[in-house]
Protein backbone atom coordinates (compact mmCIF):
# COMPACT_ATOMS: atom_id res chain seq x y z
CA UNK A 1 0.00 0.00 0.00
CA UNK A 2 1.16 3.58 -0.39
CA UNK A 3 1.43 6.52 1.99
CA UNK A 4 -2.16 7.51 1.22
CA UNK A 5 -4.32 7.61 4.32
CA UNK A 6 -8.00 6.74 4.09
CA UNK A 7 -10.04 9.91 3.73
CA UNK A 8 -13.35 8.06 3.81
CA UNK A 9 -14.88 4.73 4.78
CA UNK A 10 -16.44 4.05 1.38
CA UNK A 11 -17.10 5.54 -2.05
CA UNK A 12 -20.51 5.58 -3.70
CA UNK A 13 -20.37 5.14 -7.49
CA UNK A 14 -23.48 6.12 -9.43
CA UNK A 15 -23.81 5.15 -13.10
CA UNK A 16 -26.30 7.16 -15.16
CA UNK A 17 -27.73 6.29 -18.58
CA UNK A 18 -28.02 8.67 -21.55
CA UNK A 19 -31.23 10.13 -20.04
CA UNK A 20 -29.48 10.79 -16.70
CA UNK A 21 -31.48 8.07 -14.97
CA UNK A 22 -29.72 5.90 -12.41
CA UNK A 23 -28.57 2.55 -13.78
CA UNK A 24 -26.93 1.40 -10.55
CA UNK A 25 -25.39 2.54 -7.29
CA UNK A 26 -22.27 0.76 -6.10
CA UNK A 27 -20.53 1.07 -2.73
CA UNK A 28 -16.80 0.33 -2.48
CA UNK A 29 -14.45 0.45 0.48
CA UNK A 30 -11.01 2.09 0.70
CA UNK A 31 -9.12 -1.09 -0.23
CA UNK A 32 -11.23 -1.60 -3.35
CA UNK A 33 -10.82 2.05 -4.32
CA UNK A 34 -7.05 1.74 -3.91
CA UNK A 35 -7.01 -1.41 -6.05
CA UNK A 36 -8.87 0.18 -8.99
CA UNK A 37 -7.94 3.88 -8.85
CA UNK A 38 -6.05 5.55 -11.69
CA UNK A 39 -4.28 8.89 -11.68
CA UNK A 40 -5.70 11.45 -14.15
CA UNK A 41 -2.85 13.90 -14.71
CA UNK A 42 -4.91 16.64 -16.38
CA UNK A 43 -7.47 16.68 -13.57
CA UNK A 44 -4.84 16.15 -10.90
CA UNK A 45 -7.01 13.54 -9.21
CA UNK A 46 -7.73 9.84 -9.01
CA UNK A 47 -10.57 8.36 -11.00
CA UNK A 48 -12.29 4.99 -11.32
CA UNK A 49 -13.08 3.11 -14.50
CA UNK A 50 -16.25 1.07 -14.05
CA UNK A 51 -15.36 -2.50 -14.97
CA UNK A 52 -17.01 -5.85 -14.30
CA UNK A 53 -14.25 -6.56 -11.77
CA UNK A 54 -14.95 -3.33 -9.88
CA UNK A 55 -18.67 -4.11 -9.85
CA UNK A 56 -17.96 -7.65 -8.60
CA UNK A 57 -15.72 -6.38 -5.78
CA UNK A 58 -18.19 -3.69 -4.71
CA UNK A 59 -21.54 -3.86 -2.95
CA UNK A 60 -24.50 -3.23 -5.25
CA UNK A 61 -26.86 -0.88 -3.41
CA UNK A 62 -29.32 -0.37 -6.26
CA UNK A 63 -29.69 -1.77 -9.79
CA UNK A 64 -32.37 -0.75 -12.26
CA UNK A 65 -34.48 -3.73 -13.27
PDB file of N, CA and C in Angstrom:
ATOM      1  N   UNK A   1       0.847  -1.173   0.000  1.00  0.00           N
ATOM      2  CA  UNK A   1       0.000   0.000   0.000  1.00  0.00           C
ATOM      3  C   UNK A   1       0.893   1.236   0.000  1.00  0.00           C
ATOM      4  N   UNK A   2       0.360   2.359  -0.323  1.00  0.00           N
ATOM      5  CA  UNK A   2       1.162   3.576  -0.386  1.00  0.00           C
ATOM      6  C   UNK A   2       1.021   4.385   0.886  1.00  0.00           C
ATOM      7  N   UNK A   3       1.525   5.619   0.842  1.00  0.00           N
ATOM      8  CA  UNK A   3       1.432   6.523   1.986  1.00  0.00           C
ATOM      9  C   UNK A   3       0.066   7.190   2.099  1.00  0.00           C
ATOM     10  N   UNK A   4      -0.832   6.910   1.165  1.00  0.00           N
ATOM     11  CA  UNK A   4      -2.165   7.515   1.220  1.00  0.00           C
ATOM     12  C   UNK A   4      -2.909   7.028   2.454  1.00  0.00           C
ATOM     13  N   UNK A   5      -3.511   7.960   3.172  1.00  0.00           N
ATOM     14  CA  UNK A   5      -4.324   7.610   4.325  1.00  0.00           C
ATOM     15  C   UNK A   5      -5.778   7.639   3.906  1.00  0.00           C
ATOM     16  N   UNK A   6      -6.581   6.727   4.435  1.00  0.00           N
ATOM     17  CA  UNK A   6      -8.005   6.740   4.085  1.00  0.00           C
ATOM     18  C   UNK A   6      -8.649   8.074   4.463  1.00  0.00           C
ATOM     19  N   UNK A   7      -9.320   8.660   3.501  1.00  0.00           N
ATOM     20  CA  UNK A   7     -10.039   9.909   3.731  1.00  0.00           C
ATOM     21  C   UNK A   7     -11.528   9.653   3.926  1.00  0.00           C
ATOM     22  N   UNK A   8     -11.937   8.419   3.761  1.00  0.00           N
ATOM     23  CA  UNK A   8     -13.348   8.057   3.812  1.00  0.00           C
ATOM     24  C   UNK A   8     -13.461   6.575   4.134  1.00  0.00           C
ATOM     25  N   UNK A   9     -14.653   6.148   4.517  1.00  0.00           N
ATOM     26  CA  UNK A   9     -14.881   4.730   4.778  1.00  0.00           C
ATOM     27  C   UNK A   9     -15.298   3.994   3.512  1.00  0.00           C
ATOM     28  N   UNK A  10     -16.012   4.674   2.628  1.00  0.00           N
ATOM     29  CA  UNK A  10     -16.439   4.053   1.385  1.00  0.00           C
ATOM     30  C   UNK A  10     -16.709   5.124   0.335  1.00  0.00           C
ATOM     31  N   UNK A  11     -16.775   4.684  -0.911  1.00  0.00           N
ATOM     32  CA  UNK A  11     -17.104   5.541  -2.053  1.00  0.00           C
ATOM     33  C   UNK A  11     -18.418   5.035  -2.616  1.00  0.00           C
ATOM     34  N   UNK A  12     -19.264   5.945  -3.033  1.00  0.00           N
ATOM     35  CA  UNK A  12     -20.508   5.582  -3.704  1.00  0.00           C
ATOM     36  C   UNK A  12     -20.350   5.954  -5.179  1.00  0.00           C
ATOM     37  N   UNK A  13     -20.477   4.950  -6.044  1.00  0.00           N
ATOM     38  CA  UNK A  13     -20.366   5.139  -7.489  1.00  0.00           C
ATOM     39  C   UNK A  13     -21.767   5.061  -8.074  1.00  0.00           C
ATOM     40  N   UNK A  14     -22.151   6.086  -8.815  1.00  0.00           N
ATOM     41  CA  UNK A  14     -23.479   6.117  -9.431  1.00  0.00           C
ATOM     42  C   UNK A  14     -23.304   6.160 -10.937  1.00  0.00           C
ATOM     43  N   UNK A  15     -23.881   5.181 -11.644  1.00  0.00           N
ATOM     44  CA  UNK A  15     -23.813   5.147 -13.104  1.00  0.00           C
ATOM     45  C   UNK A  15     -25.151   5.613 -13.656  1.00  0.00           C
ATOM     46  N   UNK A  16     -25.099   6.612 -14.536  1.00  0.00           N
ATOM     47  CA  UNK A  16     -26.301   7.158 -15.162  1.00  0.00           C
ATOM     48  C   UNK A  16     -26.356   6.729 -16.621  1.00  0.00           C
ATOM     49  N   UNK A  17     -27.579   6.598 -17.157  1.00  0.00           N
ATOM     50  CA  UNK A  17     -27.730   6.292 -18.583  1.00  0.00           C
ATOM     51  C   UNK A  17     -27.773   7.591 -19.383  1.00  0.00           C
ATOM     52  N   UNK A  18     -28.024   7.487 -20.675  1.00  0.00           N
ATOM     53  CA  UNK A  18     -28.016   8.672 -21.548  1.00  0.00           C
ATOM     54  C   UNK A  18     -29.114   9.679 -21.205  1.00  0.00           C
ATOM     55  N   UNK A  19     -30.149   9.241 -20.478  1.00  0.00           N
ATOM     56  CA  UNK A  19     -31.231  10.131 -20.038  1.00  0.00           C
ATOM     57  C   UNK A  19     -31.028  10.607 -18.601  1.00  0.00           C
ATOM     58  N   UNK A  20     -29.834  10.387 -18.063  1.00  0.00           N
ATOM     59  CA  UNK A  20     -29.476  10.788 -16.698  1.00  0.00           C
ATOM     60  C   UNK A  20     -30.325  10.094 -15.637  1.00  0.00           C
ATOM     61  N   UNK A  21     -30.769   8.893 -15.943  1.00  0.00           N
ATOM     62  CA  UNK A  21     -31.477   8.074 -14.972  1.00  0.00           C
ATOM     63  C   UNK A  21     -30.475   7.096 -14.366  1.00  0.00           C
ATOM     64  N   UNK A  22     -30.659   6.780 -13.114  1.00  0.00           N
ATOM     65  CA  UNK A  22     -29.724   5.902 -12.408  1.00  0.00           C
ATOM     66  C   UNK A  22     -29.813   4.474 -12.930  1.00  0.00           C
ATOM     67  N   UNK A  23     -28.663   3.955 -13.368  1.00  0.00           N
ATOM     68  CA  UNK A  23     -28.565   2.552 -13.776  1.00  0.00           C
ATOM     69  C   UNK A  23     -28.241   1.675 -12.568  1.00  0.00           C
ATOM     70  N   UNK A  24     -27.244   2.110 -11.784  1.00  0.00           N
ATOM     71  CA  UNK A  24     -26.927   1.403 -10.553  1.00  0.00           C
ATOM     72  C   UNK A  24     -26.164   2.308  -9.602  1.00  0.00           C
ATOM     73  N   UNK A  25     -26.165   1.885  -8.332  1.00  0.00           N
ATOM     74  CA  UNK A  25     -25.392   2.543  -7.289  1.00  0.00           C
ATOM     75  C   UNK A  25     -24.537   1.462  -6.642  1.00  0.00           C
ATOM     76  N   UNK A  26     -23.237   1.726  -6.596  1.00  0.00           N
ATOM     77  CA  UNK A  26     -22.270   0.757  -6.096  1.00  0.00           C
ATOM     78  C   UNK A  26     -21.496   1.373  -4.933  1.00  0.00           C
ATOM     79  N   UNK A  27     -21.324   0.621  -3.873  1.00  0.00           N
ATOM     80  CA  UNK A  27     -20.525   1.071  -2.729  1.00  0.00           C
ATOM     81  C   UNK A  27     -19.225   0.278  -2.712  1.00  0.00           C
ATOM     82  N   UNK A  28     -18.092   1.003  -2.591  1.00  0.00           N
ATOM     83  CA  UNK A  28     -16.803   0.329  -2.481  1.00  0.00           C
ATOM     84  C   UNK A  28     -16.047   0.880  -1.283  1.00  0.00           C
ATOM     85  N   UNK A  29     -15.233   0.020  -0.667  1.00  0.00           N
ATOM     86  CA  UNK A  29     -14.452   0.448   0.480  1.00  0.00           C
ATOM     87  C   UNK A  29     -13.098   1.003   0.021  1.00  0.00           C
ATOM     88  N   UNK A  30     -12.301   1.465   0.996  1.00  0.00           N
ATOM     89  CA  UNK A  30     -11.010   2.091   0.701  1.00  0.00           C
ATOM     90  C   UNK A  30     -10.075   1.126  -0.024  1.00  0.00           C
ATOM     91  N   UNK A  31     -10.015  -0.114   0.400  1.00  0.00           N
ATOM     92  CA  UNK A  31      -9.119  -1.088  -0.226  1.00  0.00           C
ATOM     93  C   UNK A  31      -9.487  -1.320  -1.689  1.00  0.00           C
ATOM     94  N   UNK A  32     -10.775  -1.406  -1.970  1.00  0.00           N
ATOM     95  CA  UNK A  32     -11.227  -1.601  -3.345  1.00  0.00           C
ATOM     96  C   UNK A  32     -10.926  -0.361  -4.179  1.00  0.00           C
ATOM     97  N   UNK A  33     -11.160   0.815  -3.621  1.00  0.00           N
ATOM     98  CA  UNK A  33     -10.821   2.053  -4.325  1.00  0.00           C
ATOM     99  C   UNK A  33      -9.343   2.075  -4.668  1.00  0.00           C
ATOM    100  N   UNK A  34      -8.497   1.726  -3.697  1.00  0.00           N
ATOM    101  CA  UNK A  34      -7.054   1.745  -3.907  1.00  0.00           C
ATOM    102  C   UNK A  34      -6.642   0.753  -5.000  1.00  0.00           C
ATOM    103  N   UNK A  35      -7.316  -0.380  -5.050  1.00  0.00           N
ATOM    104  CA  UNK A  35      -7.011  -1.414  -6.050  1.00  0.00           C
ATOM    105  C   UNK A  35      -7.326  -0.946  -7.477  1.00  0.00           C
ATOM    106  N   UNK A  36      -8.399  -0.176  -7.658  1.00  0.00           N
ATOM    107  CA  UNK A  36      -8.874   0.177  -8.994  1.00  0.00           C
ATOM    108  C   UNK A  36      -8.622   1.626  -9.414  1.00  0.00           C
ATOM    109  N   UNK A  37      -8.117   2.452  -8.530  1.00  0.00           N
ATOM    110  CA  UNK A  37      -7.936   3.879  -8.850  1.00  0.00           C
ATOM    111  C   UNK A  37      -6.874   4.071  -9.933  1.00  0.00           C
ATOM    112  N   UNK A  38      -7.025   5.134 -10.681  1.00  0.00           N
ATOM    113  CA  UNK A  38      -6.046   5.545 -11.691  1.00  0.00           C
ATOM    114  C   UNK A  38      -5.811   7.035 -11.509  1.00  0.00           C
ATOM    115  N   UNK A  39      -4.600   7.476 -11.796  1.00  0.00           N
ATOM    116  CA  UNK A  39      -4.282   8.894 -11.684  1.00  0.00           C
ATOM    117  C   UNK A  39      -4.596   9.578 -13.007  1.00  0.00           C
ATOM    118  N   UNK A  40      -5.370  10.650 -12.966  1.00  0.00           N
ATOM    119  CA  UNK A  40      -5.699  11.452 -14.145  1.00  0.00           C
ATOM    120  C   UNK A  40      -4.875  12.727 -14.063  1.00  0.00           C
ATOM    121  N   UNK A  41      -3.816  12.803 -14.855  1.00  0.00           N
ATOM    122  CA  UNK A  41      -2.853  13.899 -14.710  1.00  0.00           C
ATOM    123  C   UNK A  41      -3.445  15.264 -15.056  1.00  0.00           C
ATOM    124  N   UNK A  42      -4.319  15.341 -16.027  1.00  0.00           N
ATOM    125  CA  UNK A  42      -4.910  16.641 -16.382  1.00  0.00           C
ATOM    126  C   UNK A  42      -5.842  17.173 -15.296  1.00  0.00           C
ATOM    127  N   UNK A  43      -6.560  16.265 -14.654  1.00  0.00           N
ATOM    128  CA  UNK A  43      -7.467  16.679 -13.573  1.00  0.00           C
ATOM    129  C   UNK A  43      -6.720  16.793 -12.255  1.00  0.00           C
ATOM    130  N   UNK A  44      -5.580  16.153 -12.146  1.00  0.00           N
ATOM    131  CA  UNK A  44      -4.835  16.150 -10.902  1.00  0.00           C
ATOM    132  C   UNK A  44      -5.568  15.406  -9.798  1.00  0.00           C
ATOM    133  N   UNK A  45      -6.206  14.297 -10.167  1.00  0.00           N
ATOM    134  CA  UNK A  45      -7.006  13.536  -9.205  1.00  0.00           C
ATOM    135  C   UNK A  45      -7.087  12.079  -9.634  1.00  0.00           C
ATOM    136  N   UNK A  46      -7.482  11.239  -8.693  1.00  0.00           N
ATOM    137  CA  UNK A  46      -7.729   9.836  -9.014  1.00  0.00           C
ATOM    138  C   UNK A  46      -9.112   9.695  -9.629  1.00  0.00           C
ATOM    139  N   UNK A  47      -9.254   8.680 -10.477  1.00  0.00           N
ATOM    140  CA  UNK A  47     -10.575   8.358 -11.003  1.00  0.00           C
ATOM    141  C   UNK A  47     -10.743   6.847 -11.026  1.00  0.00           C
ATOM    142  N   UNK A  48     -11.966   6.406 -11.245  1.00  0.00           N
ATOM    143  CA  UNK A  48     -12.286   4.988 -11.319  1.00  0.00           C
ATOM    144  C   UNK A  48     -12.899   4.687 -12.676  1.00  0.00           C
ATOM    145  N   UNK A  49     -12.457   3.612 -13.283  1.00  0.00           N
ATOM    146  CA  UNK A  49     -13.083   3.109 -14.497  1.00  0.00           C
ATOM    147  C   UNK A  49     -14.019   1.993 -14.051  1.00  0.00           C
ATOM    148  N   UNK A  50     -15.275   2.083 -14.454  1.00  0.00           N
ATOM    149  CA  UNK A  50     -16.253   1.066 -14.049  1.00  0.00           C
ATOM    150  C   UNK A  50     -16.056  -0.166 -14.921  1.00  0.00           C
ATOM    151  N   UNK A  51     -15.577  -1.229 -14.292  1.00  0.00           N
ATOM    152  CA  UNK A  51     -15.358  -2.500 -14.971  1.00  0.00           C
ATOM    153  C   UNK A  51     -16.180  -3.580 -14.279  1.00  0.00           C
ATOM    154  N   UNK A  52     -16.296  -4.731 -14.926  1.00  0.00           N
ATOM    155  CA  UNK A  52     -17.007  -5.849 -14.299  1.00  0.00           C
ATOM    156  C   UNK A  52     -16.318  -6.274 -13.007  1.00  0.00           C
ATOM    157  N   UNK A  53     -14.994  -6.198 -12.976  1.00  0.00           N
ATOM    158  CA  UNK A  53     -14.253  -6.563 -11.768  1.00  0.00           C
ATOM    159  C   UNK A  53     -14.563  -5.609 -10.624  1.00  0.00           C
ATOM    160  N   UNK A  54     -14.611  -4.315 -10.908  1.00  0.00           N
ATOM    161  CA  UNK A  54     -14.951  -3.333  -9.880  1.00  0.00           C
ATOM    162  C   UNK A  54     -16.362  -3.594  -9.356  1.00  0.00           C
ATOM    163  N   UNK A  55     -17.287  -3.837 -10.254  1.00  0.00           N
ATOM    164  CA  UNK A  55     -18.674  -4.113  -9.851  1.00  0.00           C
ATOM    165  C   UNK A  55     -18.726  -5.371  -8.984  1.00  0.00           C
ATOM    166  N   UNK A  56     -17.982  -6.398  -9.368  1.00  0.00           N
ATOM    167  CA  UNK A  56     -17.960  -7.652  -8.604  1.00  0.00           C
ATOM    168  C   UNK A  56     -17.395  -7.442  -7.198  1.00  0.00           C
ATOM    169  N   UNK A  57     -16.367  -6.610  -7.082  1.00  0.00           N
ATOM    170  CA  UNK A  57     -15.718  -6.377  -5.785  1.00  0.00           C
ATOM    171  C   UNK A  57     -16.474  -5.387  -4.903  1.00  0.00           C
ATOM    172  N   UNK A  58     -17.425  -4.655  -5.479  1.00  0.00           N
ATOM    173  CA  UNK A  58     -18.193  -3.687  -4.711  1.00  0.00           C
ATOM    174  C   UNK A  58     -19.473  -4.280  -4.171  1.00  0.00           C
ATOM    175  N   UNK A  59     -20.235  -3.458  -3.491  1.00  0.00           N
ATOM    176  CA  UNK A  59     -21.538  -3.856  -2.946  1.00  0.00           C
ATOM    177  C   UNK A  59     -22.622  -3.110  -3.704  1.00  0.00           C
ATOM    178  N   UNK A  60     -23.437  -3.842  -4.456  1.00  0.00           N
ATOM    179  CA  UNK A  60     -24.501  -3.234  -5.251  1.00  0.00           C
ATOM    180  C   UNK A  60     -25.612  -2.762  -4.312  1.00  0.00           C
ATOM    181  N   UNK A  61     -25.833  -1.467  -4.264  1.00  0.00           N
ATOM    182  CA  UNK A  61     -26.856  -0.878  -3.409  1.00  0.00           C
ATOM    183  C   UNK A  61     -28.190  -0.813  -4.145  1.00  0.00           C
ATOM    184  N   UNK A  62     -28.119  -0.497  -5.433  1.00  0.00           N
ATOM    185  CA  UNK A  62     -29.324  -0.374  -6.259  1.00  0.00           C
ATOM    186  C   UNK A  62     -28.960  -0.739  -7.696  1.00  0.00           C
ATOM    187  N   UNK A  63     -29.847  -1.460  -8.364  1.00  0.00           N
ATOM    188  CA  UNK A  63     -29.687  -1.767  -9.785  1.00  0.00           C
ATOM    189  C   UNK A  63     -31.051  -1.690 -10.445  1.00  0.00           C
ATOM    190  N   UNK A  64     -31.118  -0.891 -11.524  1.00  0.00           N
ATOM    191  CA  UNK A  64     -32.373  -0.753 -12.261  1.00  0.00           C
ATOM    192  C   UNK A  64     -32.742  -2.088 -12.875  1.00  0.00           C
ATOM    193  N   UNK A  65     -33.995  -2.439 -12.737  1.00  0.00           N
ATOM    194  CA  UNK A  65     -34.485  -3.730 -13.266  1.00  0.00           C
ATOM    195  C   UNK A  65     -34.910  -3.582 -14.702  1.00  0.00           C
TER     196      UNK A  65
END
